[in-house]
Structures are given as C-alpha cells and as structure tokens.
Amino acid sequence: MATPVSATAGGSAAASSVPAAARDDSKMSSTAKAKAQLNGSIVQASLTVSLNSSNEPLSVVLKTALTGINEALKDQFGDNAIQNAMSQDNTPEGTASRIVALSTAFYDAFKQQHAGEAEDAVLDKFMATLKRGVDQGFKEARDILDGLKVLNGEVASNIDKTYTLVQQGYADFAAAHKTQPAAEAASS
C-alpha cells in the first residue's frame, strides 16, 4: 500500500535538498538565510512553471508546430530557421526598432476601439498608453539588472540609448499620424 503524500510534500522538496548545515538557522548569517530562502523560492517556482508548462497541451502544439515550421523553412533559410530568427539584433537600435514596431502595430485596433473620437485625441491616448508601458518595462528591467549588480557601464548606457531611441521612434510615429491643421492642408 502506498504511503499518503501530504499537501505540503511538493513544497518541501526544495528545502530537503538544502544541506543540513545550511538549514540550521543558528549557524547562518542573515544574508545566507535570505539567499537560501531566495534559492528555495526560485527552485520551487521553476518546478511549478516546469510542471505547469509540460502539462499544457498547447505546449505540445507549439513544439510540434515549431518543428514543422523549421522543417518547411529549412531549404530556404537553413537549419533552425525559427531559432536563428529569434537571435536577432540585440543592439540598442535593433531592440528599440522592435519595441516601436511591435507596439505601434496595435494603433489601428486601438483606433477601432475609440471610434467616433477625434483622431488626434485617440493618437495622444495611444501614445500615452505605450509610453506608460515602456516606462514601466524599462524601470522593471533596470531594477532587475541593478539587483543583479550588472546595471553599470555599457549595460546601463545601452539601456539608456535604447530608451532614447524608443522615445524618438514614438515621436516619429506620432508626427507621421497627426492630422494636418486646416491651414497646412489648404496650402498643400
């Protein structure tokens, strides 16, 4: 007969893999305790994500679809076409270009959701929404990199440059989509 498993058995798996000396709180510094707790949390989260994603039927669909796409594109683009496409230009210019292109691609759908409103007002709302999202994303990225103690030198300057290029891309997009004032339209 199988021994019943408690509801907390999965949660204690990460803790049981920690050496006994490391689990003895009286022998650990507060930094070591925090690091051990963080490591345990990371292991547990990784296990949860791994278990959840491997149980998802759509993950099988994704994997098989990517394999099929790679096979279909092999003659034209070589082995692993999808993976090669994913290893894109990660320079500030390339990253900013992708951020601007991917986010501004939603403009037509946004306009449809705001039908009947003045076009420039809709554009302003759209740009404000994008800028809030980008600001939040860059802040979170900086916080993570700062926590890893790598937000300095070239990394920091590349993030700043990318942010500046995204803002310029947004300004260019907005300028291209602004309606012309009546005086300009008449003189054209």
N, C-alpha and C. Protein backbone atom coordinates (compact mmCIF):
# COMPACT_ATOMS: atom_id res chain seq x y z
N MET A 1 0.85 -1.18 0.00
CA MET A 1 0.00 0.00 0.00
C MET A 1 0.89 1.23 0.00
N ALA A 2 0.53 2.22 -0.82
CA ALA A 2 1.34 3.43 -0.95
C ALA A 2 1.14 4.33 0.26
N THR A 3 2.20 4.99 0.64
CA THR A 3 2.12 5.93 1.76
C THR A 3 1.49 7.22 1.27
N PRO A 4 0.52 7.76 2.01
CA PRO A 4 -0.11 9.01 1.56
C PRO A 4 0.92 10.14 1.53
N VAL A 5 0.74 11.03 0.58
CA VAL A 5 1.62 12.19 0.45
C VAL A 5 0.86 13.40 0.97
N SER A 6 1.53 14.18 1.82
CA SER A 6 0.85 15.35 2.37
C SER A 6 0.76 16.44 1.32
N ALA A 7 -0.12 17.40 1.56
CA ALA A 7 -0.31 18.50 0.63
C ALA A 7 0.93 19.36 0.53
N THR A 8 1.79 19.31 1.53
CA THR A 8 2.98 20.15 1.51
C THR A 8 4.20 19.41 1.01
N ALA A 9 4.05 18.18 0.59
CA ALA A 9 5.22 17.41 0.16
C ALA A 9 5.96 18.07 -0.97
N GLY A 10 5.23 18.61 -1.98
CA GLY A 10 5.89 19.27 -3.10
C GLY A 10 6.62 20.52 -2.67
N GLY A 11 6.06 21.24 -1.73
CA GLY A 11 6.68 22.47 -1.27
C GLY A 11 7.93 22.24 -0.46
N SER A 12 8.07 21.06 0.16
CA SER A 12 9.24 20.82 0.98
C SER A 12 10.37 20.17 0.20
N ALA A 13 10.13 19.83 -1.05
CA ALA A 13 11.16 19.18 -1.86
C ALA A 13 12.39 20.06 -2.00
N ALA A 14 12.18 21.35 -2.24
CA ALA A 14 13.33 22.24 -2.41
C ALA A 14 14.09 22.38 -1.11
N ALA A 15 13.37 22.46 0.01
CA ALA A 15 14.03 22.63 1.30
C ALA A 15 14.82 21.39 1.68
N SER A 16 14.32 20.18 1.33
CA SER A 16 15.03 18.97 1.71
C SER A 16 16.31 18.78 0.92
N SER A 17 16.45 19.49 -0.21
CA SER A 17 17.69 19.36 -0.98
C SER A 17 18.79 20.28 -0.46
N VAL A 18 18.45 21.15 0.49
CA VAL A 18 19.44 22.03 1.09
C VAL A 18 20.21 21.25 2.14
N PRO A 19 21.55 21.34 2.17
CA PRO A 19 22.32 20.61 3.17
C PRO A 19 21.87 20.95 4.59
N ALA A 20 22.00 19.97 5.48
CA ALA A 20 21.54 20.15 6.86
C ALA A 20 22.19 21.36 7.53
N ALA A 21 23.47 21.59 7.27
CA ALA A 21 24.15 22.73 7.89
C ALA A 21 23.54 24.04 7.43
N ALA A 22 23.10 24.08 6.15
CA ALA A 22 22.52 25.30 5.63
C ALA A 22 21.12 25.54 6.20
N ARG A 23 20.43 24.45 6.59
CA ARG A 23 19.09 24.60 7.15
C ARG A 23 19.14 24.99 8.61
N ASP A 24 20.27 24.84 9.27
CA ASP A 24 20.39 25.19 10.68
C ASP A 24 20.50 26.70 10.78
N ASP A 25 19.39 27.37 11.07
CA ASP A 25 19.34 28.82 11.08
C ASP A 25 20.33 29.45 12.05
N SER A 26 20.66 28.77 13.15
CA SER A 26 21.55 29.37 14.14
C SER A 26 22.97 29.50 13.62
N LYS A 27 23.33 28.73 12.59
CA LYS A 27 24.69 28.77 12.05
C LYS A 27 24.79 29.63 10.79
N MET A 28 23.69 30.29 10.38
CA MET A 28 23.69 31.05 9.13
C MET A 28 23.60 32.55 9.41
N SER A 29 24.31 33.33 8.59
CA SER A 29 24.18 34.78 8.68
C SER A 29 22.84 35.17 8.07
N SER A 30 22.39 36.38 8.32
CA SER A 30 21.09 36.81 7.77
C SER A 30 21.16 36.86 6.25
N THR A 31 22.30 37.20 5.68
CA THR A 31 22.46 37.22 4.23
C THR A 31 22.36 35.81 3.68
N ALA A 32 23.00 34.86 4.33
CA ALA A 32 22.94 33.47 3.88
C ALA A 32 21.52 32.92 4.00
N LYS A 33 20.81 33.30 5.09
CA LYS A 33 19.42 32.86 5.24
C LYS A 33 18.56 33.40 4.10
N ALA A 34 18.74 34.68 3.81
CA ALA A 34 17.95 35.30 2.74
C ALA A 34 18.26 34.64 1.40
N LYS A 35 19.54 34.37 1.16
CA LYS A 35 19.95 33.73 -0.09
C LYS A 35 19.38 32.32 -0.19
N ALA A 36 19.39 31.58 0.93
CA ALA A 36 18.85 30.23 0.93
C ALA A 36 17.34 30.24 0.67
N GLN A 37 16.64 31.21 1.29
CA GLN A 37 15.20 31.33 1.06
C GLN A 37 14.92 31.69 -0.40
N LEU A 38 15.69 32.62 -0.94
CA LEU A 38 15.52 33.01 -2.33
C LEU A 38 15.78 31.83 -3.26
N ASN A 39 16.85 31.10 -3.01
CA ASN A 39 17.17 29.94 -3.84
C ASN A 39 16.06 28.90 -3.77
N GLY A 40 15.54 28.66 -2.58
CA GLY A 40 14.43 27.72 -2.43
C GLY A 40 13.20 28.18 -3.19
N SER A 41 12.91 29.48 -3.12
CA SER A 41 11.77 30.03 -3.85
C SER A 41 11.96 29.89 -5.35
N ILE A 42 13.17 30.15 -5.82
CA ILE A 42 13.46 30.04 -7.25
C ILE A 42 13.29 28.60 -7.72
N VAL A 43 13.83 27.66 -6.94
CA VAL A 43 13.70 26.24 -7.30
C VAL A 43 12.22 25.85 -7.33
N GLN A 44 11.47 26.25 -6.31
CA GLN A 44 10.05 25.90 -6.26
C GLN A 44 9.30 26.51 -7.43
N ALA A 45 9.56 27.78 -7.73
CA ALA A 45 8.88 28.44 -8.85
C ALA A 45 9.25 27.77 -10.16
N SER A 46 10.52 27.41 -10.31
CA SER A 46 10.95 26.73 -11.54
C SER A 46 10.26 25.40 -11.70
N LEU A 47 10.13 24.65 -10.60
CA LEU A 47 9.44 23.37 -10.67
C LEU A 47 7.98 23.56 -11.04
N THR A 48 7.35 24.55 -10.43
CA THR A 48 5.95 24.81 -10.71
C THR A 48 5.75 25.19 -12.17
N VAL A 49 6.58 26.12 -12.68
CA VAL A 49 6.47 26.53 -14.08
C VAL A 49 6.74 25.35 -14.99
N SER A 50 7.77 24.58 -14.68
CA SER A 50 8.12 23.43 -15.50
C SER A 50 6.99 22.42 -15.53
N LEU A 51 6.42 22.12 -14.37
CA LEU A 51 5.33 21.15 -14.32
C LEU A 51 4.09 21.68 -15.04
N ASN A 52 3.77 22.94 -14.81
CA ASN A 52 2.59 23.50 -15.44
C ASN A 52 2.74 23.55 -16.95
N SER A 53 3.89 23.99 -17.44
CA SER A 53 4.03 24.12 -18.88
C SER A 53 4.13 22.78 -19.56
N SER A 54 4.72 21.77 -18.90
CA SER A 54 4.81 20.47 -19.55
C SER A 54 3.47 19.76 -19.56
N ASN A 55 2.54 20.17 -18.72
CA ASN A 55 1.22 19.57 -18.70
C ASN A 55 0.24 20.27 -19.63
N GLU A 56 0.64 21.38 -20.20
CA GLU A 56 -0.24 22.14 -21.07
C GLU A 56 -0.26 21.52 -22.46
N PRO A 57 -1.41 21.14 -22.95
CA PRO A 57 -1.49 20.58 -24.30
C PRO A 57 -0.98 21.53 -25.38
N LEU A 58 -1.17 22.83 -25.16
CA LEU A 58 -0.72 23.77 -26.18
C LEU A 58 0.80 23.84 -26.27
N SER A 59 1.51 23.49 -25.20
CA SER A 59 2.97 23.48 -25.30
C SER A 59 3.42 22.41 -26.27
N VAL A 60 2.69 21.30 -26.34
CA VAL A 60 2.99 20.25 -27.31
C VAL A 60 2.72 20.78 -28.71
N VAL A 61 1.60 21.50 -28.88
CA VAL A 61 1.27 22.07 -30.18
C VAL A 61 2.36 23.04 -30.61
N LEU A 62 2.80 23.90 -29.69
CA LEU A 62 3.85 24.85 -30.01
C LEU A 62 5.12 24.14 -30.46
N LYS A 63 5.55 23.17 -29.69
CA LYS A 63 6.79 22.46 -30.01
C LYS A 63 6.70 21.77 -31.35
N THR A 64 5.59 21.09 -31.62
CA THR A 64 5.47 20.39 -32.89
C THR A 64 5.31 21.36 -34.05
N ALA A 65 4.60 22.47 -33.82
CA ALA A 65 4.46 23.47 -34.87
C ALA A 65 5.81 24.08 -35.23
N LEU A 66 6.60 24.41 -34.22
CA LEU A 66 7.92 24.98 -34.49
C LEU A 66 8.81 23.99 -35.23
N THR A 67 8.71 22.72 -34.86
CA THR A 67 9.49 21.71 -35.56
C THR A 67 9.07 21.64 -37.02
N GLY A 68 7.75 21.64 -37.27
CA GLY A 68 7.24 21.60 -38.63
C GLY A 68 7.64 22.83 -39.43
N ILE A 69 7.56 24.00 -38.80
CA ILE A 69 7.94 25.25 -39.48
C ILE A 69 9.43 25.22 -39.81
N ASN A 70 10.25 24.78 -38.86
CA ASN A 70 11.68 24.68 -39.13
C ASN A 70 11.95 23.77 -40.32
N GLU A 71 11.25 22.64 -40.37
CA GLU A 71 11.43 21.71 -41.49
C GLU A 71 11.00 22.35 -42.81
N ALA A 72 9.86 23.04 -42.80
CA ALA A 72 9.35 23.67 -44.01
C ALA A 72 10.27 24.79 -44.51
N LEU A 73 10.91 25.50 -43.61
CA LEU A 73 11.77 26.62 -43.98
C LEU A 73 13.23 26.22 -44.20
N LYS A 74 13.55 24.98 -43.93
CA LYS A 74 14.93 24.52 -43.97
C LYS A 74 15.60 24.79 -45.32
N ASP A 75 14.90 24.50 -46.43
CA ASP A 75 15.50 24.68 -47.75
C ASP A 75 15.81 26.14 -48.05
N GLN A 76 14.98 27.05 -47.57
CA GLN A 76 15.16 28.47 -47.86
C GLN A 76 16.03 29.20 -46.84
N PHE A 77 15.94 28.79 -45.57
CA PHE A 77 16.62 29.54 -44.51
C PHE A 77 17.60 28.72 -43.69
N GLY A 78 17.80 27.46 -44.03
CA GLY A 78 18.74 26.62 -43.31
C GLY A 78 18.13 26.00 -42.07
N ASP A 79 18.96 25.24 -41.36
CA ASP A 79 18.52 24.57 -40.14
C ASP A 79 18.11 25.59 -39.08
N ASN A 80 17.11 25.22 -38.29
CA ASN A 80 16.66 26.02 -37.13
C ASN A 80 16.32 27.45 -37.50
N ALA A 81 15.52 27.64 -38.54
CA ALA A 81 15.17 28.98 -39.02
C ALA A 81 14.51 29.81 -37.91
N ILE A 82 13.63 29.20 -37.15
CA ILE A 82 12.92 29.94 -36.09
C ILE A 82 13.92 30.40 -35.03
N GLN A 83 14.76 29.50 -34.54
CA GLN A 83 15.73 29.86 -33.51
C GLN A 83 16.71 30.93 -34.02
N ASN A 84 17.10 30.82 -35.28
CA ASN A 84 18.01 31.82 -35.85
C ASN A 84 17.34 33.18 -35.94
N ALA A 85 16.06 33.19 -36.28
CA ALA A 85 15.33 34.46 -36.35
C ALA A 85 15.20 35.08 -34.96
N MET A 86 15.14 34.23 -33.94
CA MET A 86 15.00 34.74 -32.57
C MET A 86 16.29 35.36 -32.06
N SER A 87 17.41 34.95 -32.63
CA SER A 87 18.69 35.53 -32.19
C SER A 87 18.94 36.79 -33.01
N GLN A 88 18.05 37.73 -32.84
CA GLN A 88 18.03 38.96 -33.61
C GLN A 88 19.08 39.95 -33.13
N ASP A 89 19.06 41.06 -33.79
CA ASP A 89 19.93 42.19 -33.46
C ASP A 89 19.54 42.71 -32.08
N ASN A 90 20.40 42.51 -31.11
CA ASN A 90 20.12 42.96 -29.75
C ASN A 90 20.87 44.23 -29.38
N THR A 91 21.26 45.00 -30.41
CA THR A 91 21.85 46.31 -30.16
C THR A 91 20.76 47.25 -29.69
N PRO A 92 21.11 48.40 -29.13
CA PRO A 92 20.07 49.37 -28.76
C PRO A 92 19.17 49.74 -29.94
N GLU A 93 19.77 49.89 -31.12
CA GLU A 93 18.99 50.26 -32.31
C GLU A 93 18.02 49.14 -32.70
N GLY A 94 18.50 47.91 -32.71
CA GLY A 94 17.65 46.78 -33.08
C GLY A 94 16.54 46.55 -32.07
N THR A 95 16.87 46.63 -30.80
CA THR A 95 15.88 46.42 -29.75
C THR A 95 14.83 47.52 -29.78
N ALA A 96 15.28 48.77 -29.90
CA ALA A 96 14.33 49.90 -29.95
C ALA A 96 13.42 49.78 -31.16
N SER A 97 13.98 49.40 -32.28
CA SER A 97 13.20 49.25 -33.50
C SER A 97 12.10 48.21 -33.33
N ARG A 98 12.43 47.08 -32.71
CA ARG A 98 11.42 46.04 -32.48
C ARG A 98 10.36 46.51 -31.49
N ILE A 99 10.76 47.19 -30.44
CA ILE A 99 9.79 47.69 -29.45
C ILE A 99 8.81 48.64 -30.12
N VAL A 100 9.33 49.58 -30.91
CA VAL A 100 8.47 50.56 -31.56
C VAL A 100 7.56 49.87 -32.58
N ALA A 101 8.13 49.01 -33.41
CA ALA A 101 7.34 48.35 -34.45
C ALA A 101 6.24 47.46 -33.86
N LEU A 102 6.59 46.67 -32.86
CA LEU A 102 5.61 45.76 -32.26
C LEU A 102 4.51 46.50 -31.52
N SER A 103 4.86 47.55 -30.81
CA SER A 103 3.85 48.25 -30.01
C SER A 103 2.98 49.15 -30.87
N THR A 104 3.54 49.83 -31.85
CA THR A 104 2.73 50.73 -32.68
C THR A 104 1.85 49.96 -33.66
N ALA A 105 2.12 48.68 -33.85
CA ALA A 105 1.30 47.86 -34.74
C ALA A 105 -0.14 47.74 -34.24
N PHE A 106 -0.38 48.07 -33.00
CA PHE A 106 -1.72 47.99 -32.42
C PHE A 106 -2.54 49.26 -32.62
N TYR A 107 -1.98 50.23 -33.31
CA TYR A 107 -2.66 51.52 -33.44
C TYR A 107 -4.02 51.40 -34.14
N ASP A 108 -4.10 50.67 -35.23
CA ASP A 108 -5.37 50.55 -35.94
C ASP A 108 -6.45 49.91 -35.07
N ALA A 109 -6.08 48.88 -34.32
CA ALA A 109 -7.04 48.24 -33.42
C ALA A 109 -7.46 49.21 -32.31
N PHE A 110 -6.52 49.99 -31.82
CA PHE A 110 -6.82 50.99 -30.78
C PHE A 110 -7.80 52.03 -31.33
N LYS A 111 -7.56 52.47 -32.57
CA LYS A 111 -8.46 53.46 -33.19
C LYS A 111 -9.87 52.89 -33.31
N GLN A 112 -9.99 51.63 -33.67
CA GLN A 112 -11.31 51.00 -33.81
C GLN A 112 -12.04 50.97 -32.47
N GLN A 113 -11.30 50.79 -31.39
CA GLN A 113 -11.92 50.77 -30.06
C GLN A 113 -12.37 52.16 -29.62
N HIS A 114 -11.86 53.19 -30.28
CA HIS A 114 -12.19 54.57 -29.93
C HIS A 114 -12.86 55.28 -31.10
N ALA A 115 -13.66 54.53 -31.84
CA ALA A 115 -14.36 55.11 -33.00
C ALA A 115 -15.25 56.26 -32.54
N GLY A 116 -15.29 57.30 -33.36
CA GLY A 116 -16.12 58.46 -33.03
C GLY A 116 -15.38 59.54 -32.27
N GLU A 117 -14.19 59.23 -31.77
CA GLU A 117 -13.40 60.23 -31.06
C GLU A 117 -12.49 60.94 -32.06
N ALA A 118 -12.05 62.12 -31.72
CA ALA A 118 -11.15 62.88 -32.59
C ALA A 118 -9.85 62.09 -32.78
N GLU A 119 -9.40 62.03 -34.03
CA GLU A 119 -8.25 61.18 -34.36
C GLU A 119 -6.99 61.57 -33.58
N ASP A 120 -6.73 62.87 -33.46
CA ASP A 120 -5.53 63.29 -32.72
C ASP A 120 -5.65 62.94 -31.23
N ALA A 121 -6.86 63.02 -30.68
CA ALA A 121 -7.05 62.66 -29.27
C ALA A 121 -6.81 61.17 -29.08
N VAL A 122 -7.26 60.35 -30.04
CA VAL A 122 -7.03 58.90 -29.97
C VAL A 122 -5.53 58.61 -30.07
N LEU A 123 -4.86 59.30 -30.99
CA LEU A 123 -3.42 59.12 -31.13
C LEU A 123 -2.70 59.49 -29.84
N ASP A 124 -3.10 60.59 -29.22
CA ASP A 124 -2.48 61.01 -27.95
C ASP A 124 -2.69 59.96 -26.86
N LYS A 125 -3.92 59.42 -26.77
CA LYS A 125 -4.20 58.37 -25.78
C LYS A 125 -3.34 57.13 -26.04
N PHE A 126 -3.25 56.76 -27.31
CA PHE A 126 -2.46 55.59 -27.69
C PHE A 126 -1.00 55.77 -27.31
N MET A 127 -0.45 56.93 -27.66
CA MET A 127 0.96 57.18 -27.36
C MET A 127 1.20 57.23 -25.85
N ALA A 128 0.27 57.82 -25.11
CA ALA A 128 0.41 57.88 -23.65
C ALA A 128 0.39 56.47 -23.05
N THR A 129 -0.48 55.61 -23.60
CA THR A 129 -0.56 54.22 -23.13
C THR A 129 0.75 53.50 -23.40
N LEU A 130 1.28 53.65 -24.62
CA LEU A 130 2.55 53.00 -24.95
C LEU A 130 3.68 53.50 -24.06
N LYS A 131 3.73 54.79 -23.86
CA LYS A 131 4.82 55.37 -23.06
C LYS A 131 4.76 54.89 -21.61
N ARG A 132 3.54 54.78 -21.06
CA ARG A 132 3.42 54.24 -19.69
C ARG A 132 3.96 52.82 -19.63
N GLY A 133 3.59 52.02 -20.61
CA GLY A 133 4.06 50.63 -20.64
C GLY A 133 5.56 50.53 -20.80
N VAL A 134 6.13 51.33 -21.69
CA VAL A 134 7.58 51.31 -21.89
C VAL A 134 8.29 51.80 -20.64
N ASP A 135 7.79 52.86 -20.03
CA ASP A 135 8.43 53.36 -18.81
C ASP A 135 8.43 52.29 -17.72
N GLN A 136 7.30 51.61 -17.57
CA GLN A 136 7.20 50.55 -16.56
C GLN A 136 8.17 49.41 -16.90
N GLY A 137 8.20 49.01 -18.16
CA GLY A 137 9.08 47.91 -18.58
C GLY A 137 10.55 48.24 -18.39
N PHE A 138 10.95 49.44 -18.77
CA PHE A 138 12.35 49.82 -18.60
C PHE A 138 12.70 49.94 -17.12
N LYS A 139 11.77 50.46 -16.30
CA LYS A 139 12.04 50.56 -14.86
C LYS A 139 12.25 49.17 -14.27
N GLU A 140 11.36 48.22 -14.63
CA GLU A 140 11.48 46.86 -14.11
C GLU A 140 12.79 46.22 -14.57
N ALA A 141 13.15 46.43 -15.83
CA ALA A 141 14.40 45.86 -16.33
C ALA A 141 15.60 46.44 -15.58
N ARG A 142 15.57 47.74 -15.36
CA ARG A 142 16.67 48.38 -14.62
C ARG A 142 16.74 47.84 -13.19
N ASP A 143 15.57 47.69 -12.55
CA ASP A 143 15.54 47.17 -11.17
C ASP A 143 16.13 45.76 -11.11
N ILE A 144 15.76 44.92 -12.06
CA ILE A 144 16.28 43.55 -12.09
C ILE A 144 17.78 43.56 -12.29
N LEU A 145 18.24 44.32 -13.28
CA LEU A 145 19.68 44.36 -13.57
C LEU A 145 20.46 45.00 -12.43
N ASP A 146 19.86 45.99 -11.77
CA ASP A 146 20.51 46.60 -10.61
C ASP A 146 20.61 45.59 -9.48
N GLY A 147 19.56 44.81 -9.28
CA GLY A 147 19.57 43.77 -8.25
C GLY A 147 20.64 42.71 -8.53
N LEU A 148 20.91 42.47 -9.79
CA LEU A 148 21.95 41.51 -10.17
C LEU A 148 23.34 42.16 -10.18
N LYS A 149 23.37 43.45 -9.87
CA LYS A 149 24.63 44.21 -9.81
C LYS A 149 25.33 44.29 -11.16
N VAL A 150 24.53 44.37 -12.25
CA VAL A 150 25.12 44.50 -13.58
C VAL A 150 24.67 45.76 -14.29
N LEU A 151 23.92 46.62 -13.60
CA LEU A 151 23.44 47.85 -14.20
C LEU A 151 24.51 48.93 -14.05
N ASN A 152 25.51 48.83 -14.88
CA ASN A 152 26.59 49.81 -14.87
C ASN A 152 27.29 49.80 -16.23
N GLY A 153 28.15 50.74 -16.46
CA GLY A 153 28.96 50.77 -17.67
C GLY A 153 28.16 50.65 -18.95
N GLU A 154 28.59 49.74 -19.81
CA GLU A 154 27.98 49.57 -21.13
C GLU A 154 26.53 49.11 -21.04
N VAL A 155 26.21 48.27 -20.07
CA VAL A 155 24.83 47.79 -19.91
C VAL A 155 23.91 48.98 -19.65
N ALA A 156 24.28 49.83 -18.71
CA ALA A 156 23.45 50.99 -18.37
C ALA A 156 23.35 51.95 -19.54
N SER A 157 24.46 52.20 -20.21
CA SER A 157 24.41 53.14 -21.33
C SER A 157 23.61 52.57 -22.50
N ASN A 158 23.66 51.26 -22.72
CA ASN A 158 22.86 50.66 -23.79
C ASN A 158 21.37 50.73 -23.47
N ILE A 159 21.01 50.55 -22.21
CA ILE A 159 19.60 50.68 -21.82
C ILE A 159 19.14 52.11 -22.02
N ASP A 160 19.95 53.06 -21.60
CA ASP A 160 19.60 54.47 -21.78
C ASP A 160 19.45 54.82 -23.26
N LYS A 161 20.37 54.32 -24.07
CA LYS A 161 20.33 54.59 -25.51
C LYS A 161 19.08 53.96 -26.13
N THR A 162 18.77 52.73 -25.74
CA THR A 162 17.58 52.05 -26.25
C THR A 162 16.33 52.85 -25.89
N TYR A 163 16.24 53.29 -24.65
CA TYR A 163 15.09 54.07 -24.19
C TYR A 163 14.94 55.35 -25.01
N THR A 164 16.05 56.04 -25.23
CA THR A 164 16.02 57.27 -26.02
C THR A 164 15.56 57.00 -27.44
N LEU A 165 16.05 55.91 -28.04
CA LEU A 165 15.65 55.55 -29.40
C LEU A 165 14.17 55.17 -29.47
N VAL A 166 13.66 54.50 -28.45
CA VAL A 166 12.23 54.16 -28.42
C VAL A 166 11.41 55.45 -28.35
N GLN A 167 11.81 56.38 -27.50
CA GLN A 167 11.08 57.65 -27.38
C GLN A 167 11.10 58.41 -28.70
N GLN A 168 12.23 58.38 -29.39
CA GLN A 168 12.33 59.05 -30.70
C GLN A 168 11.44 58.34 -31.72
N GLY A 169 11.43 57.02 -31.68
CA GLY A 169 10.58 56.26 -32.58
C GLY A 169 9.11 56.57 -32.35
N TYR A 170 8.72 56.71 -31.09
CA TYR A 170 7.35 57.06 -30.78
C TYR A 170 7.02 58.48 -31.26
N ALA A 171 7.96 59.40 -31.09
CA ALA A 171 7.74 60.78 -31.55
C ALA A 171 7.58 60.80 -33.07
N ASP A 172 8.39 60.04 -33.77
CA ASP A 172 8.29 59.97 -35.23
C ASP A 172 6.95 59.35 -35.65
N PHE A 173 6.52 58.30 -34.96
CA PHE A 173 5.24 57.66 -35.27
C PHE A 173 4.10 58.65 -35.06
N ALA A 174 4.12 59.34 -33.94
CA ALA A 174 3.05 60.30 -33.63
C ALA A 174 3.03 61.42 -34.67
N ALA A 175 4.19 61.94 -35.05
CA ALA A 175 4.26 63.01 -36.04
C ALA A 175 3.70 62.54 -37.39
N ALA A 176 3.99 61.31 -37.75
CA ALA A 176 3.53 60.78 -39.03
C ALA A 176 2.02 60.55 -39.04
N HIS A 177 1.41 60.39 -37.88
CA HIS A 177 -0.01 60.08 -37.81
C HIS A 177 -0.88 61.26 -37.36
N LYS A 178 -0.29 62.38 -37.03
CA LYS A 178 -1.06 63.57 -36.65
C LYS A 178 -1.79 64.10 -37.87
N THR A 179 -3.01 64.56 -37.65
CA THR A 179 -3.74 65.17 -38.76
C THR A 179 -3.14 66.55 -39.00
N GLN A 180 -3.16 66.95 -40.27
CA GLN A 180 -2.61 68.26 -40.63
C GLN A 180 -3.60 69.35 -40.24
N PRO A 181 -3.11 70.45 -39.67
CA PRO A 181 -4.01 71.58 -39.39
C PRO A 181 -4.62 72.08 -40.70
N ALA A 182 -5.80 72.70 -40.64
CA ALA A 182 -6.54 73.14 -41.83
C ALA A 182 -5.70 74.08 -42.70
N ALA A 183 -4.92 74.97 -42.09
CA ALA A 183 -4.10 75.92 -42.88
C ALA A 183 -3.05 75.18 -43.69
N GLU A 184 -2.41 74.14 -43.09
CA GLU A 184 -1.41 73.37 -43.82
C GLU A 184 -2.05 72.56 -44.93
N ALA A 185 -3.20 71.99 -44.65
CA ALA A 185 -3.88 71.15 -45.64
C ALA A 185 -4.30 71.99 -46.84
N ALA A 186 -4.73 73.25 -46.62
CA ALA A 186 -5.16 74.11 -47.71
C ALA A 186 -4.00 74.53 -48.59
N SER A 187 -2.81 74.70 -48.00
CA SER A 187 -1.65 75.13 -48.78
C SER A 187 -0.98 73.99 -49.52
N SER A 188 -1.34 72.76 -49.23
CA SER A 188 -0.71 71.61 -49.88
C SER A 188 -1.16 71.44 -51.29
